Amino acid sequence: MPRFLDPVAGFGVTFATMFKKANTEFYPEEKKQVAPRFHGRHVLNRHPDGLEKCVGCELCAWACPADAIYVEGADNTEEERYSPGERYGRVYQINYLRCIFC
């Protein structure tokens, strides 16, 4: 095919897509269905009384395949209690740039 017909071929693609139905989602009005196992972003959860659910065991950091979680545990004292157990997560960091949302 001669090179001067290349723009005509491009217009053919444009005209072919002009008459197809648009595949658009109207987000605020029509929300997508969320998968039942979707947990969202990782956060440090708390009990209703305000204490952290993290007990500083560092198992989540050990199990993370992307090495995106860093937890440094410390001991609770009677004066300052952060979690119901004897330990709490003093440093709890999640690197979302490394996280693969497994």
PDB file of N, CA and C in Angstrom:
ATOM      1  N   MET A   1       0.844  -1.168   0.000  1.00  0.00           N
ATOM      2  CA  MET A   1       0.000   0.000   0.000  1.00  0.00           C
ATOM      3  C   MET A   1       0.894   1.238   0.000  1.00  0.00           C
ATOM      4  N   PRO A   2       0.588   2.210  -0.782  1.00  0.00           N
ATOM      5  CA  PRO A   2       1.413   3.427  -0.825  1.00  0.00           C
ATOM      6  C   PRO A   2       1.344   4.188   0.498  1.00  0.00           C
ATOM      7  N   ARG A   3       2.442   4.897   0.795  1.00  0.00           N
ATOM      8  CA  ARG A   3       2.537   5.600   2.080  1.00  0.00           C
ATOM      9  C   ARG A   3       1.559   6.761   2.177  1.00  0.00           C
ATOM     10  N   PHE A   4       1.138   7.332   1.069  1.00  0.00           N
ATOM     11  CA  PHE A   4       0.236   8.481   1.160  1.00  0.00           C
ATOM     12  C   PHE A   4      -1.183   8.068   1.579  1.00  0.00           C
ATOM     13  N   LEU A   5      -1.453   6.751   1.609  1.00  0.00           N
ATOM     14  CA  LEU A   5      -2.765   6.284   2.065  1.00  0.00           C
ATOM     15  C   LEU A   5      -2.781   5.950   3.567  1.00  0.00           C
ATOM     16  N   ASP A   6      -1.644   6.095   4.249  1.00  0.00           N
ATOM     17  CA  ASP A   6      -1.583   5.821   5.687  1.00  0.00           C
ATOM     18  C   ASP A   6      -2.553   6.693   6.496  1.00  0.00           C
ATOM     19  N   PRO A   7      -2.646   7.994   6.229  1.00  0.00           N
ATOM     20  CA  PRO A   7      -3.627   8.795   6.981  1.00  0.00           C
ATOM     21  C   PRO A   7      -5.067   8.321   6.754  1.00  0.00           C
ATOM     22  N   VAL A   8      -5.361   7.838   5.585  1.00  0.00           N
ATOM     23  CA  VAL A   8      -6.715   7.349   5.306  1.00  0.00           C
ATOM     24  C   VAL A   8      -7.002   6.110   6.155  1.00  0.00           C
ATOM     25  N   ALA A   9      -6.009   5.248   6.328  1.00  0.00           N
ATOM     26  CA  ALA A   9      -6.182   4.072   7.179  1.00  0.00           C
ATOM     27  C   ALA A   9      -6.399   4.501   8.629  1.00  0.00           C
ATOM     28  N   GLY A  10      -5.712   5.528   9.068  1.00  0.00           N
ATOM     29  CA  GLY A  10      -5.909   6.045  10.424  1.00  0.00           C
ATOM     30  C   GLY A  10      -7.309   6.602  10.615  1.00  0.00           C
ATOM     31  N   PHE A  11      -7.796   7.319   9.617  1.00  0.00           N
ATOM     32  CA  PHE A  11      -9.170   7.823   9.700  1.00  0.00           C
ATOM     33  C   PHE A  11     -10.174   6.678   9.726  1.00  0.00           C
ATOM     34  N   GLY A  12      -9.853   5.580   9.056  1.00  0.00           N
ATOM     35  CA  GLY A  12     -10.743   4.420   9.069  1.00  0.00           C
ATOM     36  C   GLY A  12     -10.898   3.858  10.476  1.00  0.00           C
ATOM     37  N   VAL A  13      -9.804   3.807  11.218  1.00  0.00           N
ATOM     38  CA  VAL A  13      -9.871   3.336  12.605  1.00  0.00           C
ATOM     39  C   VAL A  13     -10.699   4.309  13.444  1.00  0.00           C
ATOM     40  N   THR A  14     -10.500   5.603  13.228  1.00  0.00           N
ATOM     41  CA  THR A  14     -11.248   6.612  13.981  1.00  0.00           C
ATOM     42  C   THR A  14     -12.737   6.500  13.703  1.00  0.00           C
ATOM     43  N   PHE A  15     -13.106   6.403  12.437  1.00  0.00           N
ATOM     44  CA  PHE A  15     -14.529   6.311  12.093  1.00  0.00           C
ATOM     45  C   PHE A  15     -15.152   5.012  12.595  1.00  0.00           C
ATOM     46  N   ALA A  16     -14.395   3.942  12.636  1.00  0.00           N
ATOM     47  CA  ALA A  16     -14.931   2.668  13.126  1.00  0.00           C
ATOM     48  C   ALA A  16     -15.252   2.751  14.617  1.00  0.00           C
ATOM     49  N   THR A  17     -14.437   3.471  15.387  1.00  0.00           N
ATOM     50  CA  THR A  17     -14.694   3.563  16.823  1.00  0.00           C
ATOM     51  C   THR A  17     -15.711   4.646  17.168  1.00  0.00           C
ATOM     52  N   MET A  18     -15.967   5.572  16.267  1.00  0.00           N
ATOM     53  CA  MET A  18     -16.928   6.638  16.547  1.00  0.00           C
ATOM     54  C   MET A  18     -18.343   6.103  16.736  1.00  0.00           C
ATOM     55  N   PHE A  19     -18.685   5.036  16.077  1.00  0.00           N
ATOM     56  CA  PHE A  19     -20.063   4.555  16.096  1.00  0.00           C
ATOM     57  C   PHE A  19     -20.273   3.379  17.041  1.00  0.00           C
ATOM     58  N   LYS A  20     -19.264   3.035  17.835  1.00  0.00           N
ATOM     59  CA  LYS A  20     -19.422   2.000  18.848  1.00  0.00           C
ATOM     60  C   LYS A  20     -19.914   2.634  20.146  1.00  0.00           C
ATOM     61  N   LYS A  21     -20.600   1.831  20.961  1.00  0.00           N
ATOM     62  CA  LYS A  21     -21.097   2.319  22.241  1.00  0.00           C
ATOM     63  C   LYS A  21     -19.912   2.552  23.180  1.00  0.00           C
ATOM     64  N   ALA A  22     -19.925   3.677  23.874  1.00  0.00           N
ATOM     65  CA  ALA A  22     -18.840   4.014  24.803  1.00  0.00           C
ATOM     66  C   ALA A  22     -18.910   3.113  26.029  1.00  0.00           C
ATOM     67  N   ASN A  23     -17.761   2.679  26.492  1.00  0.00           N
ATOM     68  CA  ASN A  23     -17.667   1.823  27.665  1.00  0.00           C
ATOM     69  C   ASN A  23     -17.261   2.700  28.857  1.00  0.00           C
ATOM     70  N   THR A  24     -18.240   3.418  29.408  1.00  0.00           N
ATOM     71  CA  THR A  24     -17.982   4.386  30.460  1.00  0.00           C
ATOM     72  C   THR A  24     -18.722   3.988  31.727  1.00  0.00           C
ATOM     73  N   GLU A  25     -18.069   4.168  32.877  1.00  0.00           N
ATOM     74  CA  GLU A  25     -18.721   3.930  34.162  1.00  0.00           C
ATOM     75  C   GLU A  25     -19.068   5.280  34.777  1.00  0.00           C
ATOM     76  N   PHE A  26     -20.280   5.403  35.262  1.00  0.00           N
ATOM     77  CA  PHE A  26     -20.723   6.627  35.916  1.00  0.00           C
ATOM     78  C   PHE A  26     -20.528   6.441  37.415  1.00  0.00           C
ATOM     79  N   TYR A  27     -19.314   6.741  37.886  1.00  0.00           N
ATOM     80  CA  TYR A  27     -18.876   6.325  39.221  1.00  0.00           C
ATOM     81  C   TYR A  27     -19.760   6.802  40.376  1.00  0.00           C
ATOM     82  N   PRO A  28     -20.013   8.063  40.543  1.00  0.00           N
ATOM     83  CA  PRO A  28     -20.748   8.391  41.780  1.00  0.00           C
ATOM     84  C   PRO A  28     -22.138   7.757  41.829  1.00  0.00           C
ATOM     85  N   GLU A  29     -22.795   7.644  40.696  1.00  0.00           N
ATOM     86  CA  GLU A  29     -24.145   7.084  40.679  1.00  0.00           C
ATOM     87  C   GLU A  29     -24.120   5.558  40.712  1.00  0.00           C
ATOM     88  N   GLU A  30     -23.241   4.942  39.961  1.00  0.00           N
ATOM     89  CA  GLU A  30     -23.168   3.483  39.875  1.00  0.00           C
ATOM     90  C   GLU A  30     -21.827   3.025  40.453  1.00  0.00           C
ATOM     91  N   LYS A  31     -21.871   2.486  41.654  1.00  0.00           N
ATOM     92  CA  LYS A  31     -20.631   2.032  42.294  1.00  0.00           C
ATOM     93  C   LYS A  31     -20.319   0.605  41.873  1.00  0.00           C
ATOM     94  N   LYS A  32     -19.025   0.291  41.769  1.00  0.00           N
ATOM     95  CA  LYS A  32     -18.598  -1.066  41.438  1.00  0.00           C
ATOM     96  C   LYS A  32     -18.805  -1.985  42.630  1.00  0.00           C
ATOM     97  N   GLN A  33     -19.038  -3.242  42.345  1.00  0.00           N
ATOM     98  CA  GLN A  33     -19.194  -4.220  43.411  1.00  0.00           C
ATOM     99  C   GLN A  33     -17.809  -4.595  43.947  1.00  0.00           C
ATOM    100  N   VAL A  34     -17.673  -4.556  45.264  1.00  0.00           N
ATOM    101  CA  VAL A  34     -16.398  -4.856  45.910  1.00  0.00           C
ATOM    102  C   VAL A  34     -16.320  -6.355  46.164  1.00  0.00           C
ATOM    103  N   ALA A  35     -15.180  -6.944  45.860  1.00  0.00           N
ATOM    104  CA  ALA A  35     -14.985  -8.375  46.081  1.00  0.00           C
ATOM    105  C   ALA A  35     -15.078  -8.686  47.572  1.00  0.00           C
ATOM    106  N   PRO A  36     -15.643  -9.837  47.928  1.00  0.00           N
ATOM    107  CA  PRO A  36     -15.826 -10.142  49.354  1.00  0.00           C
ATOM    108  C   PRO A  36     -14.521 -10.289  50.133  1.00  0.00           C
ATOM    109  N   ARG A  37     -13.417 -10.646  49.477  1.00  0.00           N
ATOM    110  CA  ARG A  37     -12.146 -10.822  50.193  1.00  0.00           C
ATOM    111  C   ARG A  37     -11.258  -9.585  50.143  1.00  0.00           C
ATOM    112  N   PHE A  38     -11.746  -8.480  49.575  1.00  0.00           N
ATOM    113  CA  PHE A  38     -10.956  -7.254  49.492  1.00  0.00           C
ATOM    114  C   PHE A  38     -10.867  -6.612  50.868  1.00  0.00           C
ATOM    115  N   HIS A  39      -9.676  -6.306  51.317  1.00  0.00           N
ATOM    116  CA  HIS A  39      -9.474  -5.734  52.641  1.00  0.00           C
ATOM    117  C   HIS A  39      -9.066  -4.266  52.595  1.00  0.00           C
ATOM    118  N   GLY A  40      -8.776  -3.729  51.431  1.00  0.00           N
ATOM    119  CA  GLY A  40      -8.384  -2.326  51.352  1.00  0.00           C
ATOM    120  C   GLY A  40      -6.933  -2.113  51.732  1.00  0.00           C
ATOM    121  N   ARG A  41      -6.622  -0.901  52.136  1.00  0.00           N
ATOM    122  CA  ARG A  41      -5.255  -0.575  52.523  1.00  0.00           C
ATOM    123  C   ARG A  41      -4.972  -1.050  53.935  1.00  0.00           C
ATOM    124  N   HIS A  42      -3.705  -1.310  54.209  1.00  0.00           N
ATOM    125  CA  HIS A  42      -3.296  -1.754  55.537  1.00  0.00           C
ATOM    126  C   HIS A  42      -3.293  -0.564  56.495  1.00  0.00           C
ATOM    127  N   VAL A  43      -3.852  -0.773  57.655  1.00  0.00           N
ATOM    128  CA  VAL A  43      -3.857   0.259  58.691  1.00  0.00           C
ATOM    129  C   VAL A  43      -3.621  -0.408  60.042  1.00  0.00           C
ATOM    130  N   LEU A  44      -3.259   0.384  61.012  1.00  0.00           N
ATOM    131  CA  LEU A  44      -3.103  -0.101  62.378  1.00  0.00           C
ATOM    132  C   LEU A  44      -4.472  -0.007  63.044  1.00  0.00           C
ATOM    133  N   ASN A  45      -5.109  -1.149  63.282  1.00  0.00           N
ATOM    134  CA  ASN A  45      -6.463  -1.177  63.839  1.00  0.00           C
ATOM    135  C   ASN A  45      -6.441  -0.978  65.347  1.00  0.00           C
ATOM    136  N   ARG A  46      -7.587  -0.514  65.863  1.00  0.00           N
ATOM    137  CA  ARG A  46      -7.727  -0.263  67.297  1.00  0.00           C
ATOM    138  C   ARG A  46      -8.990  -0.932  67.827  1.00  0.00           C
ATOM    139  N   HIS A  47      -8.961  -1.262  69.108  1.00  0.00           N
ATOM    140  CA  HIS A  47     -10.142  -1.761  69.805  1.00  0.00           C
ATOM    141  C   HIS A  47     -11.103  -0.590  70.042  1.00  0.00           C
ATOM    142  N   PRO A  48     -12.383  -0.867  70.356  1.00  0.00           N
ATOM    143  CA  PRO A  48     -13.328   0.238  70.624  1.00  0.00           C
ATOM    144  C   PRO A  48     -12.907   1.140  71.787  1.00  0.00           C
ATOM    145  N   ASP A  49     -12.131   0.619  72.726  1.00  0.00           N
ATOM    146  CA  ASP A  49     -11.690   1.457  73.849  1.00  0.00           C
ATOM    147  C   ASP A  49     -10.457   2.297  73.517  1.00  0.00           C
ATOM    148  N   GLY A  50      -9.936   2.186  72.292  1.00  0.00           N
ATOM    149  CA  GLY A  50      -8.822   3.018  71.853  1.00  0.00           C
ATOM    150  C   GLY A  50      -7.469   2.346  71.887  1.00  0.00           C
ATOM    151  N   LEU A  51      -7.363   1.160  72.481  1.00  0.00           N
ATOM    152  CA  LEU A  51      -6.079   0.464  72.514  1.00  0.00           C
ATOM    153  C   LEU A  51      -5.789  -0.170  71.159  1.00  0.00           C
ATOM    154  N   GLU A  52      -4.510  -0.233  70.813  1.00  0.00           N
ATOM    155  CA  GLU A  52      -4.106  -0.823  69.537  1.00  0.00           C
ATOM    156  C   GLU A  52      -4.310  -2.331  69.555  1.00  0.00           C
ATOM    157  N   LYS A  53      -4.647  -2.890  68.387  1.00  0.00           N
ATOM    158  CA  LYS A  53      -4.766  -4.341  68.286  1.00  0.00           C
ATOM    159  C   LYS A  53      -3.407  -4.996  68.062  1.00  0.00           C
ATOM    160  N   CYS A  54      -2.424  -4.218  67.661  1.00  0.00           N
ATOM    161  CA  CYS A  54      -1.078  -4.743  67.435  1.00  0.00           C
ATOM    162  C   CYS A  54      -0.416  -5.034  68.775  1.00  0.00           C
ATOM    163  N   VAL A  55       0.118  -6.242  68.911  1.00  0.00           N
ATOM    164  CA  VAL A  55       0.803  -6.609  70.149  1.00  0.00           C
ATOM    165  C   VAL A  55       2.317  -6.630  69.960  1.00  0.00           C
ATOM    166  N   GLY A  56       2.808  -6.139  68.833  1.00  0.00           N
ATOM    167  CA  GLY A  56       4.247  -6.026  68.620  1.00  0.00           C
ATOM    168  C   GLY A  56       4.957  -7.338  68.408  1.00  0.00           C
ATOM    169  N   CYS A  57       4.275  -8.354  67.884  1.00  0.00           N
ATOM    170  CA  CYS A  57       4.918  -9.662  67.704  1.00  0.00           C
ATOM    171  C   CYS A  57       5.807  -9.701  66.460  1.00  0.00           C
ATOM    172  N   GLU A  58       5.623  -8.757  65.546  1.00  0.00           N
ATOM    173  CA  GLU A  58       6.424  -8.611  64.328  1.00  0.00           C
ATOM    174  C   GLU A  58       6.224  -9.759  63.341  1.00  0.00           C
ATOM    175  N   LEU A  59       5.175 -10.561  63.504  1.00  0.00           N
ATOM    176  CA  LEU A  59       4.914 -11.654  62.564  1.00  0.00           C
ATOM    177  C   LEU A  59       4.460 -11.138  61.204  1.00  0.00           C
ATOM    178  N   CYS A  60       3.747 -10.013  61.174  1.00  0.00           N
ATOM    179  CA  CYS A  60       3.313  -9.469  59.886  1.00  0.00           C
ATOM    180  C   CYS A  60       4.524  -9.032  59.061  1.00  0.00           C
ATOM    181  N   ALA A  61       5.529  -8.433  59.696  1.00  0.00           N
ATOM    182  CA  ALA A  61       6.745  -8.029  58.989  1.00  0.00           C
ATOM    183  C   ALA A  61       7.513  -9.249  58.498  1.00  0.00           C
ATOM    184  N   TRP A  62       7.508 -10.307  59.281  1.00  0.00           N
ATOM    185  CA  TRP A  62       8.208 -11.531  58.887  1.00  0.00           C
ATOM    186  C   TRP A  62       7.506 -12.212  57.718  1.00  0.00           C
ATOM    187  N   ALA A  63       6.171 -12.165  57.676  1.00  0.00           N
ATOM    188  CA  ALA A  63       5.410 -12.862  56.643  1.00  0.00           C
ATOM    189  C   ALA A  63       5.266 -12.060  55.359  1.00  0.00           C
ATOM    190  N   CYS A  64       5.570 -10.784  55.366  1.00  0.00           N
ATOM    191  CA  CYS A  64       5.372  -9.934  54.185  1.00  0.00           C
ATOM    192  C   CYS A  64       6.360 -10.321  53.084  1.00  0.00           C
ATOM    193  N   PRO A  65       5.864 -10.770  51.900  1.00  0.00           N
ATOM    194  CA  PRO A  65       6.786 -11.193  50.842  1.00  0.00           C
ATOM    195  C   PRO A  65       7.552 -10.038  50.208  1.00  0.00           C
ATOM    196  N   ALA A  66       7.005  -8.835  50.257  1.00  0.00           N
ATOM    197  CA  ALA A  66       7.669  -7.683  49.643  1.00  0.00           C
ATOM    198  C   ALA A  66       8.548  -6.930  50.634  1.00  0.00           C
ATOM    199  N   ASP A  67       8.593  -7.378  51.885  1.00  0.00           N
ATOM    200  CA  ASP A  67       9.359  -6.712  52.934  1.00  0.00           C
ATOM    201  C   ASP A  67       8.951  -5.242  53.048  1.00  0.00           C
ATOM    202  N   ALA A  68       7.632  -4.998  53.004  1.00  0.00           N
ATOM    203  CA  ALA A  68       7.109  -3.637  53.040  1.00  0.00           C
ATOM    204  C   ALA A  68       6.669  -3.211  54.432  1.00  0.00           C
ATOM    205  N   ILE A  69       6.619  -4.127  55.385  1.00  0.00           N
ATOM    206  CA  ILE A  69       6.151  -3.820  56.738  1.00  0.00           C
ATOM    207  C   ILE A  69       7.343  -3.833  57.691  1.00  0.00           C
ATOM    208  N   TYR A  70       7.412  -2.806  58.528  1.00  0.00           N
ATOM    209  CA  TYR A  70       8.442  -2.738  59.559  1.00  0.00           C
ATOM    210  C   TYR A  70       7.751  -2.496  60.900  1.00  0.00           C
ATOM    211  N   VAL A  71       7.968  -3.379  61.847  1.00  0.00           N
ATOM    212  CA  VAL A  71       7.394  -3.253  63.186  1.00  0.00           C
ATOM    213  C   VAL A  71       8.517  -3.387  64.198  1.00  0.00           C
ATOM    214  N   GLU A  72       8.526  -2.486  65.154  1.00  0.00           N
ATOM    215  CA  GLU A  72       9.476  -2.562  66.259  1.00  0.00           C
ATOM    216  C   GLU A  72       8.653  -2.629  67.541  1.00  0.00           C
ATOM    217  N   GLY A  73       8.728  -3.734  68.226  1.00  0.00           N
ATOM    218  CA  GLY A  73       7.938  -3.932  69.436  1.00  0.00           C
ATOM    219  C   GLY A  73       8.605  -3.344  70.665  1.00  0.00           C
ATOM    220  N   ALA A  74       7.771  -3.016  71.648  1.00  0.00           N
ATOM    221  CA  ALA A  74       8.265  -2.515  72.934  1.00  0.00           C
ATOM    222  C   ALA A  74       7.321  -3.011  74.023  1.00  0.00           C
ATOM    223  N   ASP A  75       7.762  -2.928  75.262  1.00  0.00           N
ATOM    224  CA  ASP A  75       6.961  -3.412  76.386  1.00  0.00           C
ATOM    225  C   ASP A  75       6.010  -2.328  76.885  1.00  0.00           C
ATOM    226  N   ASN A  76       4.774  -2.742  77.206  1.00  0.00           N
ATOM    227  CA  ASN A  76       3.815  -1.854  77.857  1.00  0.00           C
ATOM    228  C   ASN A  76       4.219  -1.665  79.311  1.00  0.00           C
ATOM    229  N   THR A  77       3.914  -0.510  79.847  1.00  0.00           N
ATOM    230  CA  THR A  77       4.092  -0.274  81.274  1.00  0.00           C
ATOM    231  C   THR A  77       2.722   0.015  81.874  1.00  0.00           C
ATOM    232  N   GLU A  78       2.626  -0.034  83.183  1.00  0.00           N
ATOM    233  CA  GLU A  78       1.339   0.248  83.829  1.00  0.00           C
ATOM    234  C   GLU A  78       0.951   1.722  83.669  1.00  0.00           C
ATOM    235  N   GLU A  79       1.932   2.607  83.577  1.00  0.00           N
ATOM    236  CA  GLU A  79       1.640   4.035  83.409  1.00  0.00           C
ATOM    237  C   GLU A  79       1.171   4.335  81.989  1.00  0.00           C
ATOM    238  N   GLU A  80       1.818   3.721  81.014  1.00  0.00           N
ATOM    239  CA  GLU A  80       1.473   3.948  79.606  1.00  0.00           C
ATOM    240  C   GLU A  80       1.127   2.616  78.972  1.00  0.00           C
ATOM    241  N   ARG A  81      -0.156   2.412  78.703  1.00  0.00           N
ATOM    242  CA  ARG A  81      -0.626   1.170  78.101  1.00  0.00           C
ATOM    243  C   ARG A  81      -1.173   1.503  76.713  1.00  0.00           C
ATOM    244  N   TYR A  82      -0.587   0.866  75.677  1.00  0.00           N
ATOM    245  CA  TYR A  82      -0.988   1.109  74.300  1.00  0.00           C
ATOM    246  C   TYR A  82      -1.781  -0.047  73.706  1.00  0.00           C
ATOM    247  N   SER A  83      -1.601  -1.252  74.238  1.00  0.00           N
ATOM    248  CA  SER A  83      -2.330  -2.424  73.750  1.00  0.00           C
ATOM    249  C   SER A  83      -2.694  -3.294  74.947  1.00  0.00           C
ATOM    250  N   PRO A  84      -3.658  -4.210  74.774  1.00  0.00           N
ATOM    251  CA  PRO A  84      -4.066  -5.027  75.915  1.00  0.00           C
ATOM    252  C   PRO A  84      -2.995  -6.006  76.384  1.00  0.00           C
ATOM    253  N   GLY A  85      -2.080  -6.378  75.533  1.00  0.00           N
ATOM    254  CA  GLY A  85      -1.048  -7.345  75.906  1.00  0.00           C
ATOM    255  C   GLY A  85       0.099  -6.704  76.659  1.00  0.00           C
ATOM    256  N   GLU A  86       1.159  -7.474  76.832  1.00  0.00           N
ATOM    257  CA  GLU A  86       2.327  -6.944  77.533  1.00  0.00           C
ATOM    258  C   GLU A  86       3.266  -6.195  76.598  1.00  0.00           C
ATOM    259  N   ARG A  87       3.063  -6.324  75.269  1.00  0.00           N
ATOM    260  CA  ARG A  87       3.884  -5.601  74.289  1.00  0.00           C
ATOM    261  C   ARG A  87       2.984  -4.794  73.365  1.00  0.00           C
ATOM    262  N   TYR A  88       3.577  -3.862  72.642  1.00  0.00           N
ATOM    263  CA  TYR A  88       2.859  -3.087  71.626  1.00  0.00           C
ATOM    264  C   TYR A  88       3.826  -2.751  70.504  1.00  0.00           C
ATOM    265  N   GLY A  89       3.295  -2.338  69.367  1.00  0.00           N
ATOM    266  CA  GLY A  89       4.137  -1.942  68.245  1.00  0.00           C
ATOM    267  C   GLY A  89       4.562  -0.493  68.397  1.00  0.00           C
ATOM    268  N   ARG A  90       5.777  -0.271  68.879  1.00  0.00           N
ATOM    269  CA  ARG A  90       6.255   1.103  69.079  1.00  0.00           C
ATOM    270  C   ARG A  90       6.419   1.811  67.742  1.00  0.00           C
ATOM    271  N   VAL A  91       6.979   1.114  66.757  1.00  0.00           N
ATOM    272  CA  VAL A  91       7.119   1.637  65.400  1.00  0.00           C
ATOM    273  C   VAL A  91       6.363   0.693  64.482  1.00  0.00           C
ATOM    274  N   TYR A  92       5.411   1.225  63.728  1.00  0.00           N
ATOM    275  CA  TYR A  92       4.601   0.426  62.813  1.00  0.00           C
ATOM    276  C   TYR A  92       4.565   1.172  61.490  1.00  0.00           C
ATOM    277  N   GLN A  93       5.347   0.708  60.510  1.00  0.00           N
ATOM    278  CA  GLN A  93       5.457   1.408  59.232  1.00  0.00           C
ATOM    279  C   GLN A  93       5.135   0.453  58.093  1.00  0.00           C
ATOM    280  N   ILE A  94       4.389   0.958  57.113  1.00  0.00           N
ATOM    281  CA  ILE A  94       4.104   0.204  55.897  1.00  0.00           C
ATOM    282  C   ILE A  94       4.568   1.046  54.719  1.00  0.00           C
ATOM    283  N   ASN A  95       5.470   0.503  53.923  1.00  0.00           N
ATOM    284  CA  ASN A  95       5.979   1.183  52.739  1.00  0.00           C
ATOM    285  C   ASN A  95       5.064   0.828  51.572  1.00  0.00           C
ATOM    286  N   TYR A  96       4.144   1.740  51.227  1.00  0.00           N
ATOM    287  CA  TYR A  96       3.182   1.470  50.165  1.00  0.00           C
ATOM    288  C   TYR A  96       3.830   1.445  48.780  1.00  0.00           C
ATOM    289  N   LEU A  97       5.040   1.962  48.646  1.00  0.00           N
ATOM    290  CA  LEU A  97       5.732   1.872  47.362  1.00  0.00           C
ATOM    291  C   LEU A  97       6.211   0.450  47.097  1.00  0.00           C
ATOM    292  N   ARG A  98       6.503  -0.295  48.158  1.00  0.00           N
ATOM    293  CA  ARG A  98       6.950  -1.682  48.013  1.00  0.00           C
ATOM    294  C   ARG A  98       5.810  -2.677  48.125  1.00  0.00           C
ATOM    295  N   CYS A  99       4.688  -2.264  48.728  1.00  0.00           N
ATOM    296  CA  CYS A  99       3.581  -3.174  49.022  1.00  0.00           C
ATOM    297  C   CYS A  99       2.973  -3.708  47.724  1.00  0.00           C
ATOM    298  N   ILE A 100       2.719  -5.024  47.689  1.00  0.00           N
ATOM    299  CA  ILE A 100       2.095  -5.646  46.515  1.00  0.00           C
ATOM    300  C   ILE A 100       0.640  -6.006  46.790  1.00  0.00           C
ATOM    301  N   PHE A 101       0.098  -5.568  47.930  1.00  0.00           N
ATOM    302  CA  PHE A 101      -1.299  -5.767  48.325  1.00  0.00           C
ATOM    303  C   PHE A 101      -1.722  -7.220  48.183  1.00  0.00           C
ATOM    304  N   CYS A 102      -0.882  -8.097  48.727  1.00  0.00           N
ATOM    305  CA  CYS A 102      -1.211  -9.516  48.648  1.00  0.00           C
ATOM    306  C   CYS A 102      -2.354  -9.840  49.581  1.00  0.00           C
TER     307      CYS A 102
END
